[in-house]
Amino acid sequence: MQLINNTILFVKDKLEDAEGGHDWFHIERVYKNALLIADGEECDLTVVKLGALLHDIADSKFHGGDETVGPKTARTFLESQHVSEDVISHVIAIIENISFKGGNFEKKFNSKELEIVQDADRLDAIGAIGIARTFNYGGFKNRPLYNPTIQPNLNMSKEEYKNSESPTLNHFYEKLLLLKDKMNTETGKKIAQKRHDFMVTFLSQFYAEWDGQE
């Protein structure tokens, strides 16, 4: 499908110099996850594909916290491809409602397509890839790996979450370990459980090594 091919080329170009956890390869993994999940769901596959490909086209973390850049960028591109307004609006709603944002964000839109893309994105935030992305971003922000004197904040507001500079390991408790129970689809839940268990094992090993145990 030409539209999807054009979208892939557009996203690759826009994210050419992106941080390693939010680059084209992240988008590609989310796209593959979304296709896997969508296979067992009744949905508009075109919306799922476009939502997965464009969900992080301009992550607010890298645009001064401005959450309007992504939707505007996606809309401009989709309009240039002569996509119908109902599809554009649906994709924009996915982009605007997909993010975790501290877990206290109330979605203002719901659809099966959003559920699929959201699960696909959250799967890439956990497991082995999730661990790698978390420490990559922590290094990008020059955060300490771990500081036993700084406890995770489990009740952050959206703004506190967005501006947090806590040690990287805290992010497991503030987000990653919470995602298993926030999955929407049965396929997403099944995959998430395996990746969650892997993170629990990793954390156990991390603390053992930190404390100088065998």
N, C-alpha and C. Protein backbone atom coordinates (compact mmCIF):
# COMPACT_ATOMS: atom_id res chain seq x y z
N MET A 1 0.86 -1.20 0.00
CA MET A 1 0.00 0.00 0.00
C MET A 1 0.89 1.24 0.00
N GLN A 2 0.67 2.11 -0.99
CA GLN A 2 1.55 3.26 -1.17
C GLN A 2 1.55 4.19 0.04
N LEU A 3 0.37 4.39 0.64
CA LEU A 3 0.28 5.28 1.80
C LEU A 3 1.20 4.80 2.93
N ILE A 4 1.17 3.53 3.22
CA ILE A 4 2.00 2.99 4.30
C ILE A 4 3.48 3.12 3.94
N ASN A 5 3.83 2.81 2.71
CA ASN A 5 5.23 2.94 2.28
C ASN A 5 5.70 4.38 2.38
N ASN A 6 4.86 5.32 1.98
CA ASN A 6 5.21 6.74 2.07
C ASN A 6 5.37 7.17 3.53
N THR A 7 4.51 6.62 4.40
CA THR A 7 4.58 6.95 5.83
C THR A 7 5.88 6.43 6.43
N ILE A 8 6.26 5.23 6.07
CA ILE A 8 7.51 4.65 6.56
C ILE A 8 8.70 5.52 6.15
N LEU A 9 8.73 5.94 4.90
CA LEU A 9 9.82 6.80 4.41
C LEU A 9 9.83 8.13 5.15
N PHE A 10 8.66 8.69 5.39
CA PHE A 10 8.54 9.96 6.11
C PHE A 10 9.06 9.84 7.53
N VAL A 11 8.65 8.78 8.22
CA VAL A 11 9.06 8.59 9.62
C VAL A 11 10.56 8.33 9.71
N LYS A 12 11.09 7.51 8.83
CA LYS A 12 12.54 7.25 8.82
C LYS A 12 13.33 8.54 8.66
N ASP A 13 12.86 9.41 7.78
CA ASP A 13 13.55 10.68 7.55
C ASP A 13 13.44 11.60 8.77
N LYS A 14 12.26 11.71 9.35
CA LYS A 14 12.04 12.61 10.50
C LYS A 14 12.83 12.16 11.73
N LEU A 15 13.00 10.86 11.91
CA LEU A 15 13.63 10.33 13.13
C LEU A 15 15.07 9.88 12.89
N GLU A 16 15.66 10.35 11.82
CA GLU A 16 17.01 9.92 11.45
C GLU A 16 18.03 10.15 12.56
N ASP A 17 17.90 11.27 13.29
CA ASP A 17 18.86 11.60 14.34
C ASP A 17 18.26 11.50 15.75
N ALA A 18 17.20 10.72 15.89
CA ALA A 18 16.49 10.62 17.17
C ALA A 18 17.29 9.84 18.20
N GLU A 19 17.00 10.08 19.47
CA GLU A 19 17.58 9.32 20.59
C GLU A 19 17.27 7.84 20.39
N GLY A 20 18.23 6.97 20.76
CA GLY A 20 18.18 5.56 20.42
C GLY A 20 16.95 4.79 20.86
N GLY A 21 16.26 5.25 21.90
CA GLY A 21 15.07 4.55 22.36
C GLY A 21 13.80 5.04 21.70
N HIS A 22 13.92 6.12 20.91
CA HIS A 22 12.74 6.70 20.26
C HIS A 22 13.00 6.94 18.78
N ASP A 23 13.83 6.09 18.18
CA ASP A 23 14.23 6.23 16.79
C ASP A 23 13.34 5.39 15.87
N TRP A 24 13.73 5.27 14.61
CA TRP A 24 12.96 4.48 13.66
C TRP A 24 12.81 3.04 14.11
N PHE A 25 13.84 2.48 14.72
CA PHE A 25 13.76 1.07 15.10
C PHE A 25 12.73 0.85 16.20
N HIS A 26 12.54 1.86 17.07
CA HIS A 26 11.45 1.78 18.04
C HIS A 26 10.11 1.74 17.31
N ILE A 27 9.96 2.64 16.33
CA ILE A 27 8.72 2.68 15.56
C ILE A 27 8.47 1.35 14.85
N GLU A 28 9.52 0.80 14.27
CA GLU A 28 9.40 -0.48 13.55
C GLU A 28 8.97 -1.60 14.48
N ARG A 29 9.53 -1.63 15.70
CA ARG A 29 9.14 -2.67 16.65
C ARG A 29 7.68 -2.51 17.08
N VAL A 30 7.27 -1.28 17.33
CA VAL A 30 5.88 -1.02 17.71
C VAL A 30 4.94 -1.40 16.56
N TYR A 31 5.34 -1.10 15.35
CA TYR A 31 4.56 -1.45 14.15
C TYR A 31 4.37 -2.97 14.07
N LYS A 32 5.44 -3.71 14.28
CA LYS A 32 5.36 -5.18 14.25
C LYS A 32 4.48 -5.70 15.39
N ASN A 33 4.65 -5.12 16.57
CA ASN A 33 3.80 -5.51 17.71
C ASN A 33 2.33 -5.26 17.40
N ALA A 34 2.06 -4.11 16.79
CA ALA A 34 0.67 -3.73 16.48
C ALA A 34 0.05 -4.70 15.49
N LEU A 35 0.82 -5.10 14.48
CA LEU A 35 0.30 -6.06 13.51
C LEU A 35 0.02 -7.41 14.17
N LEU A 36 0.91 -7.81 15.08
CA LEU A 36 0.72 -9.07 15.80
C LEU A 36 -0.56 -9.04 16.63
N ILE A 37 -0.77 -7.95 17.35
CA ILE A 37 -1.96 -7.83 18.20
C ILE A 37 -3.22 -7.69 17.36
N ALA A 38 -3.14 -6.90 16.29
CA ALA A 38 -4.32 -6.64 15.45
C ALA A 38 -4.83 -7.91 14.78
N ASP A 39 -3.95 -8.88 14.60
CA ASP A 39 -4.33 -10.13 13.94
C ASP A 39 -5.46 -10.84 14.67
N GLY A 40 -5.59 -10.60 15.97
CA GLY A 40 -6.64 -11.25 16.74
C GLY A 40 -7.78 -10.32 17.12
N GLU A 41 -7.84 -9.15 16.49
CA GLU A 41 -8.85 -8.16 16.85
C GLU A 41 -9.61 -7.66 15.61
N GLU A 42 -10.85 -7.24 15.84
CA GLU A 42 -11.61 -6.58 14.78
C GLU A 42 -11.25 -5.11 14.81
N CYS A 43 -10.63 -4.62 13.73
CA CYS A 43 -10.15 -3.24 13.75
C CYS A 43 -9.94 -2.74 12.33
N ASP A 44 -9.72 -1.44 12.23
CA ASP A 44 -9.35 -0.81 10.96
C ASP A 44 -7.82 -0.89 10.87
N LEU A 45 -7.33 -1.79 10.06
CA LEU A 45 -5.89 -2.06 10.02
C LEU A 45 -5.10 -0.86 9.50
N THR A 46 -5.68 -0.09 8.61
CA THR A 46 -4.98 1.10 8.11
C THR A 46 -4.75 2.10 9.23
N VAL A 47 -5.75 2.31 10.07
CA VAL A 47 -5.61 3.22 11.21
C VAL A 47 -4.57 2.70 12.18
N VAL A 48 -4.58 1.39 12.43
CA VAL A 48 -3.59 0.79 13.32
C VAL A 48 -2.18 1.01 12.78
N LYS A 49 -1.99 0.75 11.49
CA LYS A 49 -0.67 0.91 10.88
C LYS A 49 -0.20 2.37 10.96
N LEU A 50 -1.07 3.30 10.60
CA LEU A 50 -0.70 4.72 10.62
C LEU A 50 -0.47 5.20 12.06
N GLY A 51 -1.30 4.73 12.98
CA GLY A 51 -1.13 5.12 14.38
C GLY A 51 0.19 4.64 14.95
N ALA A 52 0.55 3.39 14.61
CA ALA A 52 1.81 2.84 15.10
C ALA A 52 3.00 3.57 14.49
N LEU A 53 2.93 3.87 13.20
CA LEU A 53 4.04 4.52 12.53
C LEU A 53 4.23 5.98 12.95
N LEU A 54 3.14 6.65 13.30
CA LEU A 54 3.21 8.09 13.58
C LEU A 54 3.10 8.43 15.07
N HIS A 55 2.98 7.43 15.94
CA HIS A 55 2.69 7.73 17.35
C HIS A 55 3.78 8.53 18.04
N ASP A 56 5.02 8.40 17.59
CA ASP A 56 6.15 9.11 18.21
C ASP A 56 6.86 10.01 17.20
N ILE A 57 6.12 10.54 16.25
CA ILE A 57 6.74 11.33 15.20
C ILE A 57 7.40 12.60 15.75
N ALA A 58 6.90 13.07 16.89
CA ALA A 58 7.52 14.23 17.55
C ALA A 58 7.20 14.16 19.04
N ASP A 59 7.88 13.21 19.73
CA ASP A 59 7.66 13.00 21.16
C ASP A 59 7.90 14.31 21.91
N SER A 60 6.96 14.66 22.77
CA SER A 60 7.05 15.94 23.48
C SER A 60 8.31 16.05 24.34
N LYS A 61 8.88 14.90 24.77
CA LYS A 61 10.11 14.92 25.57
C LYS A 61 11.24 15.64 24.86
N PHE A 62 11.20 15.57 23.53
CA PHE A 62 12.28 16.14 22.73
C PHE A 62 11.88 17.45 22.06
N HIS A 63 10.73 17.99 22.50
CA HIS A 63 10.24 19.25 21.95
C HIS A 63 9.78 20.18 23.07
N GLY A 64 10.59 20.23 24.12
CA GLY A 64 10.30 21.14 25.22
C GLY A 64 9.00 20.87 25.93
N GLY A 65 8.52 19.63 25.87
CA GLY A 65 7.27 19.28 26.54
C GLY A 65 6.03 19.64 25.75
N ASP A 66 6.19 20.17 24.55
CA ASP A 66 5.05 20.59 23.72
C ASP A 66 4.36 19.37 23.12
N GLU A 67 3.15 19.08 23.56
CA GLU A 67 2.42 17.90 23.11
C GLU A 67 1.65 18.13 21.82
N THR A 68 1.72 19.33 21.28
CA THR A 68 0.98 19.62 20.04
C THR A 68 1.81 19.36 18.78
N VAL A 69 3.14 19.26 18.94
CA VAL A 69 4.00 19.11 17.76
C VAL A 69 3.72 17.81 17.01
N GLY A 70 3.62 16.70 17.75
CA GLY A 70 3.38 15.40 17.12
C GLY A 70 2.10 15.36 16.31
N PRO A 71 0.96 15.71 16.93
CA PRO A 71 -0.29 15.72 16.17
C PRO A 71 -0.26 16.64 14.95
N LYS A 72 0.35 17.82 15.10
CA LYS A 72 0.42 18.76 13.97
C LYS A 72 1.27 18.18 12.84
N THR A 73 2.41 17.59 13.19
CA THR A 73 3.30 16.99 12.19
C THR A 73 2.60 15.85 11.46
N ALA A 74 1.92 15.01 12.22
CA ALA A 74 1.21 13.87 11.63
C ALA A 74 0.09 14.36 10.70
N ARG A 75 -0.67 15.35 11.17
CA ARG A 75 -1.78 15.87 10.35
C ARG A 75 -1.27 16.45 9.04
N THR A 76 -0.23 17.25 9.10
CA THR A 76 0.31 17.86 7.88
C THR A 76 0.74 16.80 6.88
N PHE A 77 1.39 15.75 7.40
CA PHE A 77 1.82 14.68 6.50
C PHE A 77 0.62 13.95 5.90
N LEU A 78 -0.33 13.56 6.73
CA LEU A 78 -1.47 12.79 6.25
C LEU A 78 -2.32 13.59 5.26
N GLU A 79 -2.44 14.88 5.50
CA GLU A 79 -3.17 15.74 4.54
C GLU A 79 -2.44 15.79 3.21
N SER A 80 -1.11 15.77 3.26
CA SER A 80 -0.33 15.79 2.02
C SER A 80 -0.52 14.50 1.22
N GLN A 81 -0.95 13.44 1.92
CA GLN A 81 -1.19 12.15 1.27
C GLN A 81 -2.67 11.97 0.91
N HIS A 82 -3.45 13.04 1.12
CA HIS A 82 -4.88 13.05 0.77
C HIS A 82 -5.66 11.96 1.51
N VAL A 83 -5.29 11.76 2.76
CA VAL A 83 -6.00 10.80 3.62
C VAL A 83 -7.32 11.43 4.07
N SER A 84 -8.37 10.65 4.19
CA SER A 84 -9.68 11.17 4.58
C SER A 84 -9.64 11.75 6.00
N GLU A 85 -10.48 12.74 6.27
CA GLU A 85 -10.47 13.42 7.55
C GLU A 85 -10.82 12.48 8.71
N ASP A 86 -11.70 11.52 8.49
CA ASP A 86 -12.06 10.62 9.58
C ASP A 86 -10.87 9.75 10.00
N VAL A 87 -10.05 9.33 9.03
CA VAL A 87 -8.86 8.55 9.36
C VAL A 87 -7.83 9.45 10.04
N ILE A 88 -7.63 10.64 9.51
CA ILE A 88 -6.67 11.58 10.13
C ILE A 88 -7.06 11.85 11.58
N SER A 89 -8.32 12.16 11.82
CA SER A 89 -8.78 12.46 13.18
C SER A 89 -8.55 11.29 14.12
N HIS A 90 -8.78 10.07 13.62
CA HIS A 90 -8.59 8.88 14.44
C HIS A 90 -7.11 8.69 14.79
N VAL A 91 -6.23 8.87 13.80
CA VAL A 91 -4.80 8.72 14.04
C VAL A 91 -4.31 9.79 15.02
N ILE A 92 -4.79 11.02 14.87
CA ILE A 92 -4.41 12.10 15.79
C ILE A 92 -4.87 11.77 17.21
N ALA A 93 -6.06 11.22 17.34
CA ALA A 93 -6.57 10.85 18.67
C ALA A 93 -5.70 9.77 19.30
N ILE A 94 -5.18 8.86 18.49
CA ILE A 94 -4.28 7.83 19.01
C ILE A 94 -3.00 8.48 19.53
N ILE A 95 -2.43 9.37 18.74
CA ILE A 95 -1.19 10.05 19.14
C ILE A 95 -1.39 10.83 20.44
N GLU A 96 -2.54 11.47 20.58
CA GLU A 96 -2.80 12.32 21.75
C GLU A 96 -3.10 11.53 23.01
N ASN A 97 -3.50 10.28 22.87
CA ASN A 97 -3.95 9.51 24.03
C ASN A 97 -3.13 8.27 24.34
N ILE A 98 -2.04 8.04 23.61
CA ILE A 98 -1.29 6.80 23.76
C ILE A 98 -0.36 6.80 24.96
N SER A 99 0.11 7.97 25.37
CA SER A 99 1.21 8.06 26.33
C SER A 99 0.81 7.71 27.76
N PHE A 100 1.79 7.22 28.53
CA PHE A 100 1.59 6.82 29.92
C PHE A 100 1.38 8.03 30.83
N LYS A 101 2.25 9.02 30.71
CA LYS A 101 2.15 10.30 31.43
C LYS A 101 1.96 10.15 32.93
N GLY A 102 2.72 9.24 33.52
CA GLY A 102 2.67 9.07 34.96
C GLY A 102 1.56 8.16 35.44
N GLY A 103 0.77 7.65 34.53
CA GLY A 103 -0.30 6.74 34.90
C GLY A 103 -1.55 7.42 35.40
N ASN A 104 -1.52 8.75 35.52
CA ASN A 104 -2.66 9.49 36.03
C ASN A 104 -3.40 10.25 34.93
N PHE A 105 -3.04 9.94 33.69
CA PHE A 105 -3.64 10.61 32.54
C PHE A 105 -4.94 9.93 32.18
N GLU A 106 -6.01 10.72 32.08
CA GLU A 106 -7.31 10.16 31.73
C GLU A 106 -7.52 10.29 30.23
N LYS A 107 -7.67 9.14 29.56
CA LYS A 107 -7.86 9.16 28.12
C LYS A 107 -9.18 9.87 27.78
N LYS A 108 -9.12 10.72 26.76
CA LYS A 108 -10.32 11.42 26.33
C LYS A 108 -10.92 10.78 25.08
N PHE A 109 -10.33 9.66 24.69
CA PHE A 109 -10.76 8.98 23.47
C PHE A 109 -10.51 7.49 23.64
N ASN A 110 -11.41 6.69 23.12
CA ASN A 110 -11.24 5.24 23.18
C ASN A 110 -11.62 4.60 21.85
N SER A 111 -10.81 3.65 21.42
CA SER A 111 -11.13 2.86 20.24
C SER A 111 -10.31 1.59 20.29
N LYS A 112 -10.73 0.59 19.57
CA LYS A 112 -9.97 -0.66 19.51
C LYS A 112 -8.60 -0.41 18.90
N GLU A 113 -8.54 0.50 17.93
CA GLU A 113 -7.27 0.80 17.28
C GLU A 113 -6.30 1.46 18.26
N LEU A 114 -6.79 2.37 19.10
CA LEU A 114 -5.94 2.97 20.14
C LEU A 114 -5.45 1.90 21.10
N GLU A 115 -6.32 1.01 21.52
CA GLU A 115 -5.93 -0.06 22.45
C GLU A 115 -4.80 -0.90 21.87
N ILE A 116 -4.90 -1.21 20.59
CA ILE A 116 -3.88 -2.05 19.93
C ILE A 116 -2.55 -1.32 19.88
N VAL A 117 -2.55 -0.08 19.40
CA VAL A 117 -1.30 0.67 19.27
C VAL A 117 -0.71 0.98 20.64
N GLN A 118 -1.55 1.26 21.61
CA GLN A 118 -1.06 1.53 22.96
C GLN A 118 -0.39 0.29 23.55
N ASP A 119 -1.00 -0.86 23.39
CA ASP A 119 -0.38 -2.10 23.86
C ASP A 119 0.95 -2.35 23.15
N ALA A 120 0.96 -2.12 21.83
CA ALA A 120 2.17 -2.34 21.05
C ALA A 120 3.31 -1.45 21.53
N ASP A 121 2.99 -0.21 21.84
CA ASP A 121 3.99 0.74 22.33
C ASP A 121 4.46 0.36 23.73
N ARG A 122 3.54 -0.05 24.57
CA ARG A 122 3.90 -0.42 25.94
C ARG A 122 4.74 -1.70 25.98
N LEU A 123 4.50 -2.60 25.06
CA LEU A 123 5.33 -3.81 25.00
C LEU A 123 6.78 -3.47 24.72
N ASP A 124 7.02 -2.41 23.95
CA ASP A 124 8.40 -2.03 23.64
C ASP A 124 9.05 -1.30 24.80
N ALA A 125 8.26 -0.98 25.83
CA ALA A 125 8.80 -0.29 27.01
C ALA A 125 9.18 -1.27 28.11
N ILE A 126 8.89 -2.57 27.91
CA ILE A 126 9.19 -3.55 28.95
C ILE A 126 10.00 -4.70 28.36
N GLY A 127 10.41 -5.64 29.22
CA GLY A 127 11.24 -6.75 28.76
C GLY A 127 12.66 -6.31 28.48
N ALA A 128 13.38 -7.11 27.73
CA ALA A 128 14.80 -6.83 27.44
C ALA A 128 14.98 -5.51 26.70
N ILE A 129 14.14 -5.28 25.68
CA ILE A 129 14.22 -4.02 24.94
C ILE A 129 13.88 -2.85 25.84
N GLY A 130 12.87 -3.01 26.67
CA GLY A 130 12.47 -1.94 27.59
C GLY A 130 13.60 -1.57 28.54
N ILE A 131 14.30 -2.57 29.06
CA ILE A 131 15.44 -2.31 29.94
C ILE A 131 16.52 -1.52 29.20
N ALA A 132 16.83 -1.98 27.98
CA ALA A 132 17.86 -1.30 27.18
C ALA A 132 17.45 0.14 26.89
N ARG A 133 16.20 0.37 26.51
CA ARG A 133 15.73 1.72 26.21
C ARG A 133 15.77 2.62 27.44
N THR A 134 15.42 2.05 28.57
CA THR A 134 15.38 2.84 29.80
C THR A 134 16.77 3.35 30.18
N PHE A 135 17.75 2.48 30.12
CA PHE A 135 19.11 2.92 30.48
C PHE A 135 19.73 3.79 29.38
N ASN A 136 19.31 3.56 28.14
CA ASN A 136 19.79 4.43 27.06
C ASN A 136 19.31 5.86 27.28
N TYR A 137 18.01 6.00 27.63
CA TYR A 137 17.45 7.34 27.85
C TYR A 137 18.05 7.97 29.11
N GLY A 138 18.27 7.14 30.15
CA GLY A 138 18.90 7.65 31.36
C GLY A 138 20.28 8.21 31.08
N GLY A 139 21.03 7.51 30.22
CA GLY A 139 22.35 8.00 29.83
C GLY A 139 22.25 9.26 29.00
N PHE A 140 21.26 9.30 28.12
CA PHE A 140 21.01 10.48 27.29
C PHE A 140 20.76 11.71 28.15
N LYS A 141 20.07 11.51 29.30
CA LYS A 141 19.75 12.60 30.23
C LYS A 141 20.78 12.73 31.35
N ASN A 142 21.84 11.90 31.29
CA ASN A 142 22.91 11.92 32.29
C ASN A 142 22.39 11.69 33.70
N ARG A 143 21.49 10.74 33.86
CA ARG A 143 20.94 10.41 35.16
C ARG A 143 21.76 9.29 35.81
N PRO A 144 21.81 9.25 37.14
CA PRO A 144 22.50 8.13 37.80
C PRO A 144 21.74 6.83 37.54
N LEU A 145 22.49 5.71 37.52
CA LEU A 145 21.83 4.41 37.35
C LEU A 145 20.86 4.15 38.49
N TYR A 146 21.33 4.40 39.71
CA TYR A 146 20.56 4.04 40.90
C TYR A 146 21.11 4.83 42.06
N ASN A 147 20.24 5.24 42.95
CA ASN A 147 20.65 5.89 44.19
C ASN A 147 19.71 5.41 45.28
N PRO A 148 20.20 4.55 46.18
CA PRO A 148 19.33 3.96 47.20
C PRO A 148 18.66 4.98 48.11
N THR A 149 19.19 6.20 48.15
CA THR A 149 18.60 7.23 49.03
C THR A 149 17.43 7.96 48.37
N ILE A 150 17.23 7.75 47.08
CA ILE A 150 16.13 8.41 46.37
C ILE A 150 15.07 7.37 46.02
N GLN A 151 13.96 7.43 46.71
CA GLN A 151 12.90 6.44 46.51
C GLN A 151 12.03 6.78 45.30
N PRO A 152 11.48 5.77 44.63
CA PRO A 152 10.55 6.03 43.52
C PRO A 152 9.34 6.82 44.01
N ASN A 153 8.83 7.68 43.16
CA ASN A 153 7.62 8.45 43.46
C ASN A 153 6.46 7.81 42.71
N LEU A 154 5.60 7.14 43.44
CA LEU A 154 4.52 6.37 42.81
C LEU A 154 3.24 7.17 42.64
N ASN A 155 3.26 8.44 43.04
CA ASN A 155 2.04 9.26 42.96
C ASN A 155 2.30 10.58 42.25
N MET A 156 3.08 10.50 41.17
CA MET A 156 3.41 11.72 40.44
C MET A 156 2.24 12.22 39.61
N SER A 157 2.13 13.53 39.55
CA SER A 157 1.19 14.14 38.61
C SER A 157 1.79 14.03 37.21
N LYS A 158 1.00 14.37 36.22
CA LYS A 158 1.49 14.34 34.84
C LYS A 158 2.71 15.25 34.69
N GLU A 159 2.66 16.44 35.29
CA GLU A 159 3.77 17.39 35.18
C GLU A 159 5.00 16.90 35.92
N GLU A 160 4.81 16.33 37.11
CA GLU A 160 5.94 15.78 37.86
C GLU A 160 6.61 14.65 37.09
N TYR A 161 5.80 13.80 36.48
CA TYR A 161 6.34 12.69 35.70
C TYR A 161 7.16 13.22 34.53
N LYS A 162 6.62 14.21 33.84
CA LYS A 162 7.28 14.77 32.67
C LYS A 162 8.62 15.40 33.03
N ASN A 163 8.71 16.01 34.22
CA ASN A 163 9.91 16.75 34.62
C ASN A 163 10.82 15.98 35.57
N SER A 164 10.52 14.71 35.81
CA SER A 164 11.30 13.92 36.76
C SER A 164 12.75 13.75 36.30
N GLU A 165 13.67 13.83 37.25
CA GLU A 165 15.09 13.60 36.98
C GLU A 165 15.64 12.52 37.91
N SER A 166 14.77 11.64 38.36
CA SER A 166 15.16 10.61 39.31
C SER A 166 16.05 9.56 38.65
N PRO A 167 16.79 8.77 39.46
CA PRO A 167 17.67 7.73 38.90
C PRO A 167 16.93 6.78 37.97
N THR A 168 17.63 6.25 37.01
CA THR A 168 17.02 5.40 35.99
C THR A 168 16.27 4.21 36.59
N LEU A 169 16.83 3.59 37.61
CA LEU A 169 16.18 2.40 38.17
C LEU A 169 14.79 2.72 38.73
N ASN A 170 14.59 3.94 39.20
CA ASN A 170 13.28 4.31 39.74
C ASN A 170 12.18 4.20 38.68
N HIS A 171 12.57 4.37 37.43
CA HIS A 171 11.61 4.34 36.34
C HIS A 171 10.91 2.98 36.24
N PHE A 172 11.59 1.93 36.68
CA PHE A 172 10.96 0.61 36.66
C PHE A 172 9.71 0.62 37.54
N TYR A 173 9.81 1.27 38.69
CA TYR A 173 8.70 1.28 39.65
C TYR A 173 7.67 2.35 39.33
N GLU A 174 8.13 3.42 38.71
CA GLU A 174 7.24 4.54 38.38
C GLU A 174 6.46 4.30 37.09
N LYS A 175 6.93 3.36 36.26
CA LYS A 175 6.23 3.08 35.01
C LYS A 175 6.29 1.62 34.58
N LEU A 176 7.49 1.09 34.34
CA LEU A 176 7.62 -0.18 33.61
C LEU A 176 6.91 -1.35 34.28
N LEU A 177 7.04 -1.48 35.60
CA LEU A 177 6.42 -2.60 36.29
C LEU A 177 4.90 -2.44 36.41
N LEU A 178 4.38 -1.25 36.09
CA LEU A 178 2.95 -1.00 36.16
C LEU A 178 2.23 -1.34 34.85
N LEU A 179 3.00 -1.46 33.77
CA LEU A 179 2.37 -1.59 32.45
C LEU A 179 1.66 -2.92 32.23
N LYS A 180 2.14 -3.97 32.86
CA LYS A 180 1.51 -5.30 32.69
C LYS A 180 0.01 -5.25 32.99
N ASP A 181 -0.34 -4.53 34.01
CA ASP A 181 -1.74 -4.48 34.42
C ASP A 181 -2.54 -3.39 33.71
N LYS A 182 -1.91 -2.71 32.77
CA LYS A 182 -2.60 -1.66 32.02
C LYS A 182 -2.80 -2.03 30.55
N MET A 183 -2.49 -3.29 30.21
CA MET A 183 -2.66 -3.73 28.83
C MET A 183 -4.15 -3.87 28.51
N ASN A 184 -4.48 -3.64 27.25
CA ASN A 184 -5.88 -3.62 26.82
C ASN A 184 -6.35 -4.93 26.19
N THR A 185 -5.47 -5.58 25.44
CA THR A 185 -5.86 -6.75 24.66
C THR A 185 -5.33 -8.05 25.26
N GLU A 186 -5.96 -9.15 24.91
CA GLU A 186 -5.52 -10.44 25.45
C GLU A 186 -4.12 -10.79 24.96
N THR A 187 -3.84 -10.51 23.69
CA THR A 187 -2.49 -10.78 23.17
C THR A 187 -1.47 -9.91 23.89
N GLY A 188 -1.81 -8.65 24.07
CA GLY A 188 -0.91 -7.74 24.78
C GLY A 188 -0.63 -8.19 26.20
N LYS A 189 -1.66 -8.64 26.90
CA LYS A 189 -1.50 -9.11 28.27
C LYS A 189 -0.60 -10.34 28.35
N LYS A 190 -0.77 -11.24 27.41
CA LYS A 190 0.01 -12.48 27.40
C LYS A 190 1.50 -12.19 27.19
N ILE A 191 1.81 -11.35 26.21
CA ILE A 191 3.21 -11.01 25.94
C ILE A 191 3.80 -10.19 27.09
N ALA A 192 2.99 -9.27 27.62
CA ALA A 192 3.46 -8.40 28.69
C ALA A 192 3.88 -9.19 29.93
N GLN A 193 3.16 -10.26 30.24
CA GLN A 193 3.48 -11.06 31.43
C GLN A 193 4.89 -11.62 31.33
N LYS A 194 5.26 -12.14 30.16
CA LYS A 194 6.60 -12.70 29.97
C LYS A 194 7.67 -11.62 30.12
N ARG A 195 7.42 -10.48 29.54
CA ARG A 195 8.41 -9.39 29.59
C ARG A 195 8.50 -8.80 31.00
N HIS A 196 7.38 -8.76 31.69
CA HIS A 196 7.36 -8.30 33.08
C HIS A 196 8.22 -9.21 33.96
N ASP A 197 8.03 -10.50 33.80
CA ASP A 197 8.79 -11.47 34.60
C ASP A 197 10.30 -11.32 34.35
N PHE A 198 10.67 -11.03 33.11
CA PHE A 198 12.08 -10.84 32.77
C PHE A 198 12.64 -9.62 33.52
N MET A 199 11.85 -8.55 33.61
CA MET A 199 12.31 -7.35 34.33
C MET A 199 12.47 -7.62 35.82
N VAL A 200 11.57 -8.39 36.39
CA VAL A 200 11.66 -8.73 37.81
C VAL A 200 12.95 -9.50 38.08
N THR A 201 13.28 -10.44 37.20
CA THR A 201 14.52 -11.20 37.33
C THR A 201 15.73 -10.28 37.19
N PHE A 202 15.69 -9.36 36.25
CA PHE A 202 16.77 -8.40 36.05
C PHE A 202 17.00 -7.56 37.31
N LEU A 203 15.92 -7.06 37.90
CA LEU A 203 16.05 -6.21 39.09
C LEU A 203 16.65 -6.99 40.26
N SER A 204 16.25 -8.23 40.40
CA SER A 204 16.81 -9.07 41.46
C SER A 204 18.32 -9.21 41.29
N GLN A 205 18.75 -9.46 40.05
CA GLN A 205 20.17 -9.59 39.75
C GLN A 205 20.89 -8.26 39.95
N PHE A 206 20.27 -7.18 39.56
CA PHE A 206 20.88 -5.84 39.70
C PHE A 206 21.18 -5.55 41.17
N TYR A 207 20.19 -5.77 42.05
CA TYR A 207 20.39 -5.47 43.47
C TYR A 207 21.45 -6.38 44.08
N ALA A 208 21.48 -7.63 43.66
CA ALA A 208 22.49 -8.56 44.17
C ALA A 208 23.90 -8.07 43.81
N GLU A 209 24.08 -7.66 42.57
CA GLU A 209 25.38 -7.17 42.14
C GLU A 209 25.71 -5.84 42.81
N TRP A 210 24.72 -4.99 42.99
CA TRP A 210 24.93 -3.68 43.64
C TRP A 210 25.44 -3.89 45.08
N ASP A 211 24.89 -4.90 45.73
CA ASP A 211 25.26 -5.16 47.13
C ASP A 211 26.47 -6.08 47.28
N GLY A 212 27.11 -6.44 46.15
CA GLY A 212 28.31 -7.24 46.21
C GLY A 212 28.09 -8.68 46.60
N GLN A 213 26.92 -9.19 46.22
CA GLN A 213 26.63 -10.59 46.51
C GLN A 213 27.08 -11.48 45.35
N GLU A 214 27.23 -12.75 45.64
CA GLU A 214 27.63 -13.70 44.58
C GLU A 214 26.52 -13.88 43.58
